[in-house]
């Protein structure tokens, strides 16, 4: 229960900080991006550091980087499939899941070992 309370407090503070940043920067469409993902990642890393130490936190951080790179490439592939080949969103996203999974597992193997 204490971990959830800690995660809630850290996440809430981080969301507030990123909400202020989203008000400062343009375009306003980045507000959701600044509000959600960084705050959850930072609270997770803070809890990992406090409970498991810096080595564990480093593995968590590398995993987040690999996952975000895989998501970025997935988004690029989906956009290309929809714009260049005229595929519907459901077909493009379902087909590109293979890319996301392949990049995620390749990154895990390359950066984190088997």
PDB file of N, CA and C in Angstrom:
ATOM      1  N   UNK A   1       0.825  -1.198   0.000  1.00  0.00           N
ATOM      2  CA  UNK A   1       0.000   0.000   0.000  1.00  0.00           C
ATOM      3  C   UNK A   1       0.866   1.258   0.000  1.00  0.00           C
ATOM      4  N   UNK A   2       1.962   1.180   0.732  1.00  0.00           N
ATOM      5  CA  UNK A   2       2.855   2.339   0.821  1.00  0.00           C
ATOM      6  C   UNK A   2       3.476   2.648  -0.547  1.00  0.00           C
ATOM      7  N   UNK A   3       3.773   1.587  -1.320  1.00  0.00           N
ATOM      8  CA  UNK A   3       4.337   1.803  -2.661  1.00  0.00           C
ATOM      9  C   UNK A   3       3.342   2.530  -3.563  1.00  0.00           C
ATOM     10  N   UNK A   4       2.079   2.156  -3.474  1.00  0.00           N
ATOM     11  CA  UNK A   4       1.064   2.812  -4.294  1.00  0.00           C
ATOM     12  C   UNK A   4       0.898   4.277  -3.906  1.00  0.00           C
ATOM     13  N   UNK A   5       0.941   4.558  -2.631  1.00  0.00           N
ATOM     14  CA  UNK A   5       0.840   5.940  -2.168  1.00  0.00           C
ATOM     15  C   UNK A   5       2.041   6.759  -2.642  1.00  0.00           C
ATOM     16  N   UNK A   6       3.221   6.162  -2.555  1.00  0.00           N
ATOM     17  CA  UNK A   6       4.429   6.839  -3.027  1.00  0.00           C
ATOM     18  C   UNK A   6       4.359   7.088  -4.533  1.00  0.00           C
ATOM     19  N   UNK A   7       3.936   6.076  -5.274  1.00  0.00           N
ATOM     20  CA  UNK A   7       3.808   6.216  -6.732  1.00  0.00           C
ATOM     21  C   UNK A   7       2.785   7.292  -7.079  1.00  0.00           C
ATOM     22  N   UNK A   8       1.687   7.332  -6.348  1.00  0.00           N
ATOM     23  CA  UNK A   8       0.648   8.331  -6.572  1.00  0.00           C
ATOM     24  C   UNK A   8       1.194   9.738  -6.340  1.00  0.00           C
ATOM     25  N   UNK A   9       1.924   9.924  -5.250  1.00  0.00           N
ATOM     26  CA  UNK A   9       2.456  11.264  -4.928  1.00  0.00           C
ATOM     27  C   UNK A   9       3.518  11.706  -5.940  1.00  0.00           C
ATOM     28  N   UNK A  10       4.453  10.822  -6.234  1.00  0.00           N
ATOM     29  CA  UNK A  10       5.505  11.176  -7.203  1.00  0.00           C
ATOM     30  C   UNK A  10       4.891  11.423  -8.576  1.00  0.00           C
ATOM     31  N   UNK A  11       3.986  10.542  -8.996  1.00  0.00           N
ATOM     32  CA  UNK A  11       3.333  10.715 -10.291  1.00  0.00           C
ATOM     33  C   UNK A  11       2.526  11.998 -10.365  1.00  0.00           C
ATOM     34  N   UNK A  12       1.816  12.324  -9.278  1.00  0.00           N
ATOM     35  CA  UNK A  12       1.029  13.554  -9.255  1.00  0.00           C
ATOM     36  C   UNK A  12       1.889  14.798  -9.357  1.00  0.00           C
ATOM     37  N   UNK A  13       3.004  14.796  -8.632  1.00  0.00           N
ATOM     38  CA  UNK A  13       3.926  15.933  -8.718  1.00  0.00           C
ATOM     39  C   UNK A  13       4.524  16.054 -10.115  1.00  0.00           C
ATOM     40  N   UNK A  14       4.888  14.921 -10.696  1.00  0.00           N
ATOM     41  CA  UNK A  14       5.480  14.954 -12.037  1.00  0.00           C
ATOM     42  C   UNK A  14       4.452  15.394 -13.079  1.00  0.00           C
ATOM     43  N   UNK A  15       3.211  14.913 -12.962  1.00  0.00           N
ATOM     44  CA  UNK A  15       2.163  15.332 -13.898  1.00  0.00           C
ATOM     45  C   UNK A  15       1.952  16.834 -13.808  1.00  0.00           C
ATOM     46  N   UNK A  16       1.943  17.365 -12.599  1.00  0.00           N
ATOM     47  CA  UNK A  16       1.773  18.810 -12.426  1.00  0.00           C
ATOM     48  C   UNK A  16       2.918  19.589 -13.052  1.00  0.00           C
ATOM     49  N   UNK A  17       4.138  19.099 -12.856  1.00  0.00           N
ATOM     50  CA  UNK A  17       5.304  19.770 -13.435  1.00  0.00           C
ATOM     51  C   UNK A  17       5.257  19.731 -14.959  1.00  0.00           C
ATOM     52  N   UNK A  18       4.909  18.595 -15.516  1.00  0.00           N
ATOM     53  CA  UNK A  18       4.836  18.509 -16.975  1.00  0.00           C
ATOM     54  C   UNK A  18       3.647  19.275 -17.537  1.00  0.00           C
ATOM     55  N   UNK A  19       2.578  19.428 -16.767  1.00  0.00           N
ATOM     56  CA  UNK A  19       1.445  20.249 -17.213  1.00  0.00           C
ATOM     57  C   UNK A  19       1.866  21.708 -17.330  1.00  0.00           C
ATOM     58  N   UNK A  20       2.686  22.164 -16.386  1.00  0.00           N
ATOM     59  CA  UNK A  20       3.208  23.533 -16.470  1.00  0.00           C
ATOM     60  C   UNK A  20       4.073  23.683 -17.714  1.00  0.00           C
ATOM     61  N   UNK A  21       4.930  22.685 -17.979  1.00  0.00           N
ATOM     62  CA  UNK A  21       5.772  22.732 -19.187  1.00  0.00           C
ATOM     63  C   UNK A  21       4.933  22.744 -20.460  1.00  0.00           C
ATOM     64  N   UNK A  22       3.845  21.966 -20.462  1.00  0.00           N
ATOM     65  CA  UNK A  22       3.006  21.932 -21.666  1.00  0.00           C
ATOM     66  C   UNK A  22       2.300  23.253 -21.900  1.00  0.00           C
ATOM     67  N   UNK A  23       2.045  24.019 -20.844  1.00  0.00           N
ATOM     68  CA  UNK A  23       1.460  25.351 -21.012  1.00  0.00           C
ATOM     69  C   UNK A  23       2.469  26.341 -21.581  1.00  0.00           C
ATOM     70  N   UNK A  24       3.729  26.103 -21.296  1.00  0.00           N
ATOM     71  CA  UNK A  24       4.780  27.010 -21.770  1.00  0.00           C
ATOM     72  C   UNK A  24       5.076  26.785 -23.252  1.00  0.00           C
ATOM     73  N   UNK A  25       5.158  25.521 -23.664  1.00  0.00           N
ATOM     74  CA  UNK A  25       5.567  25.203 -25.028  1.00  0.00           C
ATOM     75  C   UNK A  25       4.381  25.089 -25.967  1.00  0.00           C
ATOM     76  N   UNK A  26       4.650  25.266 -27.236  1.00  0.00           N
ATOM     77  CA  UNK A  26       3.650  25.138 -28.285  1.00  0.00           C
ATOM     78  C   UNK A  26       4.035  23.965 -29.165  1.00  0.00           C
ATOM     79  N   UNK A  27       3.176  23.269 -29.828  1.00  0.00           N
ATOM     80  CA  UNK A  27       1.728  23.385 -29.860  1.00  0.00           C
ATOM     81  C   UNK A  27       1.102  22.743 -28.628  1.00  0.00           C
ATOM     82  N   UNK A  28      -0.121  23.109 -28.377  1.00  0.00           N
ATOM     83  CA  UNK A  28      -0.837  22.612 -27.201  1.00  0.00           C
ATOM     84  C   UNK A  28      -1.153  21.121 -27.309  1.00  0.00           C
ATOM     85  N   UNK A  29      -1.042  20.544 -28.485  1.00  0.00           N
ATOM     86  CA  UNK A  29      -1.354  19.129 -28.646  1.00  0.00           C
ATOM     87  C   UNK A  29      -0.346  18.232 -27.929  1.00  0.00           C
ATOM     88  N   UNK A  30       0.789  18.783 -27.522  1.00  0.00           N
ATOM     89  CA  UNK A  30       1.770  18.001 -26.789  1.00  0.00           C
ATOM     90  C   UNK A  30       1.438  17.886 -25.306  1.00  0.00           C
ATOM     91  N   UNK A  31       0.390  18.542 -24.850  1.00  0.00           N
ATOM     92  CA  UNK A  31       0.061  18.557 -23.416  1.00  0.00           C
ATOM     93  C   UNK A  31      -0.149  17.143 -22.872  1.00  0.00           C
ATOM     94  N   UNK A  32      -0.884  16.316 -23.587  1.00  0.00           N
ATOM     95  CA  UNK A  32      -1.105  14.943 -23.134  1.00  0.00           C
ATOM     96  C   UNK A  32       0.167  14.127 -23.108  1.00  0.00           C
ATOM     97  N   UNK A  33       1.007  14.334 -24.084  1.00  0.00           N
ATOM     98  CA  UNK A  33       2.272  13.619 -24.141  1.00  0.00           C
ATOM     99  C   UNK A  33       3.166  13.991 -22.975  1.00  0.00           C
ATOM    100  N   UNK A  34       3.231  15.287 -22.668  1.00  0.00           N
ATOM    101  CA  UNK A  34       4.047  15.727 -21.540  1.00  0.00           C
ATOM    102  C   UNK A  34       3.441  15.306 -20.206  1.00  0.00           C
ATOM    103  N   UNK A  35       2.139  15.154 -20.149  1.00  0.00           N
ATOM    104  CA  UNK A  35       1.493  14.869 -18.879  1.00  0.00           C
ATOM    105  C   UNK A  35       1.535  13.422 -18.454  1.00  0.00           C
ATOM    106  N   UNK A  36       1.482  12.495 -19.374  1.00  0.00           N
ATOM    107  CA  UNK A  36       1.317  11.097 -18.997  1.00  0.00           C
ATOM    108  C   UNK A  36       2.617  10.309 -18.920  1.00  0.00           C
ATOM    109  N   UNK A  37       3.226  10.068 -20.043  1.00  0.00           N
ATOM    110  CA  UNK A  37       4.349   9.137 -20.099  1.00  0.00           C
ATOM    111  C   UNK A  37       5.542   9.533 -19.226  1.00  0.00           C
ATOM    112  N   UNK A  38       6.030  10.750 -19.281  1.00  0.00           N
ATOM    113  CA  UNK A  38       7.200  11.066 -18.452  1.00  0.00           C
ATOM    114  C   UNK A  38       6.931  10.948 -16.960  1.00  0.00           C
ATOM    115  N   UNK A  39       5.750  11.315 -16.536  1.00  0.00           N
ATOM    116  CA  UNK A  39       5.465  11.268 -15.095  1.00  0.00           C
ATOM    117  C   UNK A  39       5.398   9.835 -14.596  1.00  0.00           C
ATOM    118  N   UNK A  40       4.808   8.953 -15.350  1.00  0.00           N
ATOM    119  CA  UNK A  40       4.744   7.552 -14.956  1.00  0.00           C
ATOM    120  C   UNK A  40       6.138   6.944 -14.968  1.00  0.00           C
ATOM    121  N   UNK A  41       6.918   7.257 -15.985  1.00  0.00           N
ATOM    122  CA  UNK A  41       8.281   6.727 -16.063  1.00  0.00           C
ATOM    123  C   UNK A  41       9.132   7.222 -14.904  1.00  0.00           C
ATOM    124  N   UNK A  42       9.036   8.497 -14.589  1.00  0.00           N
ATOM    125  CA  UNK A  42       9.840   9.041 -13.492  1.00  0.00           C
ATOM    126  C   UNK A  42       9.441   8.454 -12.147  1.00  0.00           C
ATOM    127  N   UNK A  43       8.157   8.280 -11.918  1.00  0.00           N
ATOM    128  CA  UNK A  43       7.744   7.694 -10.638  1.00  0.00           C
ATOM    129  C   UNK A  43       8.173   6.232 -10.543  1.00  0.00           C
ATOM    130  N   UNK A  44       8.089   5.507 -11.644  1.00  0.00           N
ATOM    131  CA  UNK A  44       8.541   4.122 -11.653  1.00  0.00           C
ATOM    132  C   UNK A  44      10.034   4.031 -11.381  1.00  0.00           C
ATOM    133  N   UNK A  45      10.813   4.905 -12.003  1.00  0.00           N
ATOM    134  CA  UNK A  45      12.259   4.897 -11.778  1.00  0.00           C
ATOM    135  C   UNK A  45      12.616   5.304 -10.352  1.00  0.00           C
ATOM    136  N   UNK A  46      11.889   6.255  -9.795  1.00  0.00           N
ATOM    137  CA  UNK A  46      12.157   6.669  -8.416  1.00  0.00           C
ATOM    138  C   UNK A  46      11.877   5.532  -7.444  1.00  0.00           C
ATOM    139  N   UNK A  47      10.795   4.810  -7.650  1.00  0.00           N
ATOM    140  CA  UNK A  47      10.473   3.682  -6.781  1.00  0.00           C
ATOM    141  C   UNK A  47      11.475   2.556  -6.975  1.00  0.00           C
ATOM    142  N   UNK A  48      11.874   2.299  -8.219  1.00  0.00           N
ATOM    143  CA  UNK A  48      12.878   1.259  -8.475  1.00  0.00           C
ATOM    144  C   UNK A  48      14.194   1.600  -7.785  1.00  0.00           C
ATOM    145  N   UNK A  49      14.577   2.856  -7.803  1.00  0.00           N
ATOM    146  CA  UNK A  49      15.813   3.276  -7.139  1.00  0.00           C
ATOM    147  C   UNK A  49      15.708   3.109  -5.627  1.00  0.00           C
ATOM    148  N   UNK A  50      14.598   3.528  -5.058  1.00  0.00           N
ATOM    149  CA  UNK A  50      14.467   3.471  -3.597  1.00  0.00           C
ATOM    150  C   UNK A  50      14.324   2.044  -3.081  1.00  0.00           C
ATOM    151  N   UNK A  51      13.714   1.149  -3.858  1.00  0.00           N
ATOM    152  CA  UNK A  51      13.470  -0.202  -3.369  1.00  0.00           C
ATOM    153  C   UNK A  51      14.523  -1.215  -3.799  1.00  0.00           C
ATOM    154  N   UNK A  52      15.150  -0.983  -4.975  1.00  0.00           N
ATOM    155  CA  UNK A  52      16.038  -2.013  -5.510  1.00  0.00           C
ATOM    156  C   UNK A  52      17.452  -1.534  -5.794  1.00  0.00           C
ATOM    157  N   UNK A  53      17.690  -0.242  -5.776  1.00  0.00           N
ATOM    158  CA  UNK A  53      19.033   0.267  -6.026  1.00  0.00           C
ATOM    159  C   UNK A  53      19.239   0.743  -7.456  1.00  0.00           C
ATOM    160  N   UNK A  54      20.417   1.302  -7.686  1.00  0.00           N
ATOM    161  CA  UNK A  54      20.701   1.948  -8.973  1.00  0.00           C
ATOM    162  C   UNK A  54      20.895   0.955 -10.120  1.00  0.00           C
ATOM    163  N   UNK A  55      21.409  -0.243  -9.849  1.00  0.00           N
ATOM    164  CA  UNK A  55      21.584  -1.215 -10.934  1.00  0.00           C
ATOM    165  C   UNK A  55      20.240  -1.645 -11.505  1.00  0.00           C
ATOM    166  N   UNK A  56      19.301  -1.902 -10.633  1.00  0.00           N
ATOM    167  CA  UNK A  56      17.958  -2.282 -11.072  1.00  0.00           C
ATOM    168  C   UNK A  56      17.295  -1.133 -11.821  1.00  0.00           C
ATOM    169  N   UNK A  57      17.455   0.080 -11.307  1.00  0.00           N
ATOM    170  CA  UNK A  57      16.873   1.242 -11.960  1.00  0.00           C
ATOM    171  C   UNK A  57      17.462   1.442 -13.355  1.00  0.00           C
ATOM    172  N   UNK A  58      18.759   1.180 -13.505  1.00  0.00           N
ATOM    173  CA  UNK A  58      19.393   1.324 -14.823  1.00  0.00           C
ATOM    174  C   UNK A  58      18.797   0.346 -15.832  1.00  0.00           C
ATOM    175  N   UNK A  59      18.517  -0.871 -15.401  1.00  0.00           N
ATOM    176  CA  UNK A  59      17.883  -1.851 -16.288  1.00  0.00           C
ATOM    177  C   UNK A  59      16.477  -1.388 -16.661  1.00  0.00           C
ATOM    178  N   UNK A  60      15.749  -0.863 -15.691  1.00  0.00           N
ATOM    179  CA  UNK A  60      14.406  -0.334 -15.962  1.00  0.00           C
ATOM    180  C   UNK A  60      14.454   0.816 -16.974  1.00  0.00           C
ATOM    181  N   UNK A  61      15.420   1.715 -16.801  1.00  0.00           N
ATOM    182  CA  UNK A  61      15.543   2.863 -17.706  1.00  0.00           C
ATOM    183  C   UNK A  61      15.891   2.409 -19.119  1.00  0.00           C
ATOM    184  N   UNK A  62      16.818   1.462 -19.228  1.00  0.00           N
ATOM    185  CA  UNK A  62      17.161   0.944 -20.566  1.00  0.00           C
ATOM    186  C   UNK A  62      15.966   0.262 -21.200  1.00  0.00           C
ATOM    187  N   UNK A  63      15.186  -0.443 -20.414  1.00  0.00           N
ATOM    188  CA  UNK A  63      13.986  -1.097 -20.944  1.00  0.00           C
ATOM    189  C   UNK A  63      12.992  -0.073 -21.469  1.00  0.00           C
ATOM    190  N   UNK A  64      12.872   1.045 -20.771  1.00  0.00           N
ATOM    191  CA  UNK A  64      11.973   2.107 -21.226  1.00  0.00           C
ATOM    192  C   UNK A  64      12.454   2.718 -22.532  1.00  0.00           C
ATOM    193  N   UNK A  65      13.751   2.881 -22.679  1.00  0.00           N
ATOM    194  CA  UNK A  65      14.301   3.438 -23.916  1.00  0.00           C
ATOM    195  C   UNK A  65      14.062   2.487 -25.081  1.00  0.00           C
ATOM    196  N   UNK A  66      14.299   1.193 -24.866  1.00  0.00           N
ATOM    197  CA  UNK A  66      14.060   0.207 -25.918  1.00  0.00           C
ATOM    198  C   UNK A  66      12.581   0.183 -26.299  1.00  0.00           C
ATOM    199  N   UNK A  67      11.703   0.202 -25.308  1.00  0.00           N
ATOM    200  CA  UNK A  67      10.272   0.197 -25.587  1.00  0.00           C
ATOM    201  C   UNK A  67       9.813   1.432 -26.342  1.00  0.00           C
ATOM    202  N   UNK A  68      10.361   2.587 -25.988  1.00  0.00           N
ATOM    203  CA  UNK A  68       9.956   3.811 -26.686  1.00  0.00           C
ATOM    204  C   UNK A  68      10.491   3.847 -28.113  1.00  0.00           C
ATOM    205  N   UNK A  69      11.683   3.305 -28.334  1.00  0.00           N
ATOM    206  CA  UNK A  69      12.214   3.221 -29.704  1.00  0.00           C
ATOM    207  C   UNK A  69      11.357   2.290 -30.554  1.00  0.00           C
ATOM    208  N   UNK A  70      10.945   1.172 -29.974  1.00  0.00           N
ATOM    209  CA  UNK A  70      10.077   0.240 -30.692  1.00  0.00           C
ATOM    210  C   UNK A  70       8.734   0.895 -31.016  1.00  0.00           C
ATOM    211  N   UNK A  71       8.176   1.644 -30.070  1.00  0.00           N
ATOM    212  CA  UNK A  71       6.911   2.345 -30.318  1.00  0.00           C
ATOM    213  C   UNK A  71       7.065   3.401 -31.398  1.00  0.00           C
ATOM    214  N   UNK A  72       8.165   4.117 -31.395  1.00  0.00           N
ATOM    215  CA  UNK A  72       8.408   5.148 -32.403  1.00  0.00           C
ATOM    216  C   UNK A  72       8.470   4.531 -33.806  1.00  0.00           C
ATOM    217  N   UNK A  73       9.221   3.446 -33.941  1.00  0.00           N
ATOM    218  CA  UNK A  73       9.307   2.790 -35.248  1.00  0.00           C
ATOM    219  C   UNK A  73       7.969   2.197 -35.671  1.00  0.00           C
ATOM    220  N   UNK A  74       7.220   1.676 -34.719  1.00  0.00           N
ATOM    221  CA  UNK A  74       5.878   1.176 -34.999  1.00  0.00           C
ATOM    222  C   UNK A  74       4.998   2.292 -35.567  1.00  0.00           C
ATOM    223  N   UNK A  75       5.042   3.455 -34.952  1.00  0.00           N
ATOM    224  CA  UNK A  75       4.241   4.592 -35.420  1.00  0.00           C
ATOM    225  C   UNK A  75       4.644   5.017 -36.828  1.00  0.00           C
ATOM    226  N   UNK A  76       5.938   5.019 -37.099  1.00  0.00           N
ATOM    227  CA  UNK A  76       6.422   5.372 -38.441  1.00  0.00           C
ATOM    228  C   UNK A  76       5.900   4.380 -39.470  1.00  0.00           C
ATOM    229  N   UNK A  77       5.976   3.086 -39.152  1.00  0.00           N
ATOM    230  CA  UNK A  77       5.502   2.058 -40.087  1.00  0.00           C
ATOM    231  C   UNK A  77       4.002   2.187 -40.319  1.00  0.00           C
ATOM    232  N   UNK A  78       3.234   2.416 -39.262  1.00  0.00           N
ATOM    233  CA  UNK A  78       1.784   2.573 -39.417  1.00  0.00           C
ATOM    234  C   UNK A  78       1.463   3.765 -40.313  1.00  0.00           C
ATOM    235  N   UNK A  79       2.123   4.889 -40.089  1.00  0.00           N
ATOM    236  CA  UNK A  79       1.880   6.076 -40.920  1.00  0.00           C
ATOM    237  C   UNK A  79       2.214   5.814 -42.380  1.00  0.00           C
ATOM    238  N   UNK A  80       3.329   5.148 -42.606  1.00  0.00           N
ATOM    239  CA  UNK A  80       3.715   4.839 -44.005  1.00  0.00           C
ATOM    240  C   UNK A  80       2.708   3.902 -44.658  1.00  0.00           C
ATOM    241  N   UNK A  81       2.279   2.878 -43.927  1.00  0.00           N
ATOM    242  CA  UNK A  81       1.309   1.946 -44.492  1.00  0.00           C
ATOM    243  C   UNK A  81      -0.009   2.636 -44.830  1.00  0.00           C
ATOM    244  N   UNK A  82      -0.425   3.562 -43.992  1.00  0.00           N
ATOM    245  CA  UNK A  82      -1.701   4.232 -44.241  1.00  0.00           C
ATOM    246  C   UNK A  82      -1.598   5.284 -45.334  1.00  0.00           C
ATOM    247  N   UNK A  83      -0.511   6.042 -45.355  1.00  0.00           N
ATOM    248  CA  UNK A  83      -0.389   7.121 -46.338  1.00  0.00           C
ATOM    249  C   UNK A  83       0.035   6.621 -47.711  1.00  0.00           C
ATOM    250  N   UNK A  84       1.047   5.788 -47.759  1.00  0.00           N
ATOM    251  CA  UNK A  84       1.572   5.363 -49.063  1.00  0.00           C
ATOM    252  C   UNK A  84       0.792   4.232 -49.693  1.00  0.00           C
ATOM    253  N   UNK A  85       0.276   3.313 -48.867  1.00  0.00           N
ATOM    254  CA  UNK A  85      -0.397   2.143 -49.409  1.00  0.00           C
ATOM    255  C   UNK A  85      -1.901   2.173 -49.212  1.00  0.00           C
ATOM    256  N   UNK A  86      -2.395   3.208 -48.554  1.00  0.00           N
ATOM    257  CA  UNK A  86      -3.835   3.388 -48.396  1.00  0.00           C
ATOM    258  C   UNK A  86      -4.523   2.334 -47.543  1.00  0.00           C
ATOM    259  N   UNK A  87      -3.799   1.715 -46.644  1.00  0.00           N
ATOM    260  CA  UNK A  87      -4.414   0.702 -45.793  1.00  0.00           C
ATOM    261  C   UNK A  87      -5.291   1.359 -44.733  1.00  0.00           C
ATOM    262  N   UNK A  88      -6.316   0.637 -44.329  1.00  0.00           N
ATOM    263  CA  UNK A  88      -7.162   1.107 -43.240  1.00  0.00           C
ATOM    264  C   UNK A  88      -6.386   1.014 -41.927  1.00  0.00           C
ATOM    265  N   UNK A  89      -6.834   1.791 -40.940  1.00  0.00           N
ATOM    266  CA  UNK A  89      -6.111   1.884 -39.666  1.00  0.00           C
ATOM    267  C   UNK A  89      -5.991   0.523 -38.976  1.00  0.00           C
ATOM    268  N   UNK A  90      -7.063  -0.259 -38.954  1.00  0.00           N
ATOM    269  CA  UNK A  90      -7.025  -1.550 -38.274  1.00  0.00           C
ATOM    270  C   UNK A  90      -6.013  -2.489 -38.907  1.00  0.00           C
ATOM    271  N   UNK A  91      -5.998  -2.550 -40.223  1.00  0.00           N
ATOM    272  CA  UNK A  91      -5.061  -3.423 -40.918  1.00  0.00           C
ATOM    273  C   UNK A  91      -3.621  -2.947 -40.753  1.00  0.00           C
ATOM    274  N   UNK A  92      -3.404  -1.648 -40.845  1.00  0.00           N
ATOM    275  CA  UNK A  92      -2.051  -1.102 -40.699  1.00  0.00           C
ATOM    276  C   UNK A  92      -1.510  -1.314 -39.289  1.00  0.00           C
ATOM    277  N   UNK A  93      -2.337  -1.062 -38.286  1.00  0.00           N
ATOM    278  CA  UNK A  93      -1.862  -1.227 -36.917  1.00  0.00           C
ATOM    279  C   UNK A  93      -1.639  -2.693 -36.564  1.00  0.00           C
ATOM    280  N   UNK A  94      -2.519  -3.554 -37.031  1.00  0.00           N
ATOM    281  CA  UNK A  94      -2.351  -4.986 -36.762  1.00  0.00           C
ATOM    282  C   UNK A  94      -1.101  -5.525 -37.461  1.00  0.00           C
ATOM    283  N   UNK A  95      -0.889  -5.109 -38.692  1.00  0.00           N
ATOM    284  CA  UNK A  95       0.296  -5.564 -39.417  1.00  0.00           C
ATOM    285  C   UNK A  95       1.592  -5.038 -38.833  1.00  0.00           C
ATOM    286  N   UNK A  96       1.557  -3.819 -38.341  1.00  0.00           N
ATOM    287  CA  UNK A  96       2.765  -3.211 -37.792  1.00  0.00           C
ATOM    288  C   UNK A  96       3.104  -3.724 -36.393  1.00  0.00           C
ATOM    289  N   UNK A  97       2.193  -4.437 -35.759  1.00  0.00           N
ATOM    290  CA  UNK A  97       2.512  -5.031 -34.457  1.00  0.00           C
ATOM    291  C   UNK A  97       3.718  -5.954 -34.545  1.00  0.00           C
ATOM    292  N   UNK A  98       3.879  -6.589 -35.685  1.00  0.00           N
ATOM    293  CA  UNK A  98       5.042  -7.453 -35.891  1.00  0.00           C
ATOM    294  C   UNK A  98       6.322  -6.645 -35.783  1.00  0.00           C
ATOM    295  N   UNK A  99       6.321  -5.449 -36.341  1.00  0.00           N
ATOM    296  CA  UNK A  99       7.494  -4.574 -36.270  1.00  0.00           C
ATOM    297  C   UNK A  99       7.771  -4.185 -34.816  1.00  0.00           C
ATOM    298  N   UNK A 100       6.747  -3.797 -34.096  1.00  0.00           N
ATOM    299  CA  UNK A 100       6.913  -3.391 -32.702  1.00  0.00           C
ATOM    300  C   UNK A 100       7.507  -4.519 -31.863  1.00  0.00           C
ATOM    301  N   UNK A 101       6.937  -5.720 -32.013  1.00  0.00           N
ATOM    302  CA  UNK A 101       7.415  -6.863 -31.247  1.00  0.00           C
ATOM    303  C   UNK A 101       8.844  -7.221 -31.641  1.00  0.00           C
ATOM    304  N   UNK A 102       9.136  -7.199 -32.933  1.00  0.00           N
ATOM    305  CA  UNK A 102      10.493  -7.542 -33.388  1.00  0.00           C
ATOM    306  C   UNK A 102      11.527  -6.549 -32.869  1.00  0.00           C
ATOM    307  N   UNK A 103      11.231  -5.263 -32.943  1.00  0.00           N
ATOM    308  CA  UNK A 103      12.164  -4.240 -32.454  1.00  0.00           C
ATOM    309  C   UNK A 103      12.327  -4.347 -30.940  1.00  0.00           C
ATOM    310  N   UNK A 104      11.255  -4.582 -30.228  1.00  0.00           N
ATOM    311  CA  UNK A 104      11.323  -4.692 -28.765  1.00  0.00           C
ATOM    312  C   UNK A 104      12.193  -5.885 -28.354  1.00  0.00           C
ATOM    313  N   UNK A 105      11.985  -7.042 -28.985  1.00  0.00           N
ATOM    314  CA  UNK A 105      12.796  -8.209 -28.635  1.00  0.00           C
ATOM    315  C   UNK A 105      14.238  -8.061 -29.097  1.00  0.00           C
ATOM    316  N   UNK A 106      14.443  -7.447 -30.256  1.00  0.00           N
ATOM    317  CA  UNK A 106      15.820  -7.210 -30.719  1.00  0.00           C
ATOM    318  C   UNK A 106      16.543  -6.248 -29.788  1.00  0.00           C
ATOM    319  N   UNK A 107      15.852  -5.200 -29.349  1.00  0.00           N
ATOM    320  CA  UNK A 107      16.449  -4.260 -28.407  1.00  0.00           C
ATOM    321  C   UNK A 107      16.729  -4.902 -27.071  1.00  0.00           C
ATOM    322  N   UNK A 108      15.825  -5.744 -26.601  1.00  0.00           N
ATOM    323  CA  UNK A 108      16.049  -6.447 -25.350  1.00  0.00           C
ATOM    324  C   UNK A 108      17.286  -7.322 -25.459  1.00  0.00           C
ATOM    325  N   UNK A 109      17.387  -8.047 -26.554  1.00  0.00           N
ATOM    326  CA  UNK A 109      18.536  -8.922 -26.735  1.00  0.00           C
ATOM    327  C   UNK A 109      19.833  -8.134 -26.856  1.00  0.00           C
ATOM    328  N   UNK A 110      19.801  -7.013 -27.595  1.00  0.00           N
ATOM    329  CA  UNK A 110      21.010  -6.232 -27.831  1.00  0.00           C
ATOM    330  C   UNK A 110      21.480  -5.469 -26.591  1.00  0.00           C
ATOM    331  N   UNK A 111      20.556  -4.873 -25.850  1.00  0.00           N
ATOM    332  CA  UNK A 111      20.933  -4.025 -24.737  1.00  0.00           C
ATOM    333  C   UNK A 111      20.879  -4.681 -23.366  1.00  0.00           C
ATOM    334  N   UNK A 112      20.011  -5.658 -23.226  1.00  0.00           N
ATOM    335  CA  UNK A 112      19.795  -6.240 -21.910  1.00  0.00           C
ATOM    336  C   UNK A 112      20.230  -7.689 -21.817  1.00  0.00           C
ATOM    337  N   UNK A 113      20.606  -8.291 -22.925  1.00  0.00           N
ATOM    338  CA  UNK A 113      20.967  -9.707 -22.910  1.00  0.00           C
ATOM    339  C   UNK A 113      19.745 -10.574 -23.077  1.00  0.00           C
ATOM    340  N   UNK A 114      19.964 -11.872 -23.092  1.00  0.00           N
ATOM    341  CA  UNK A 114      18.859 -12.801 -23.324  1.00  0.00           C
ATOM    342  C   UNK A 114      18.010 -12.976 -22.155  1.00  0.00           C
TER     343      UNK A 114
END
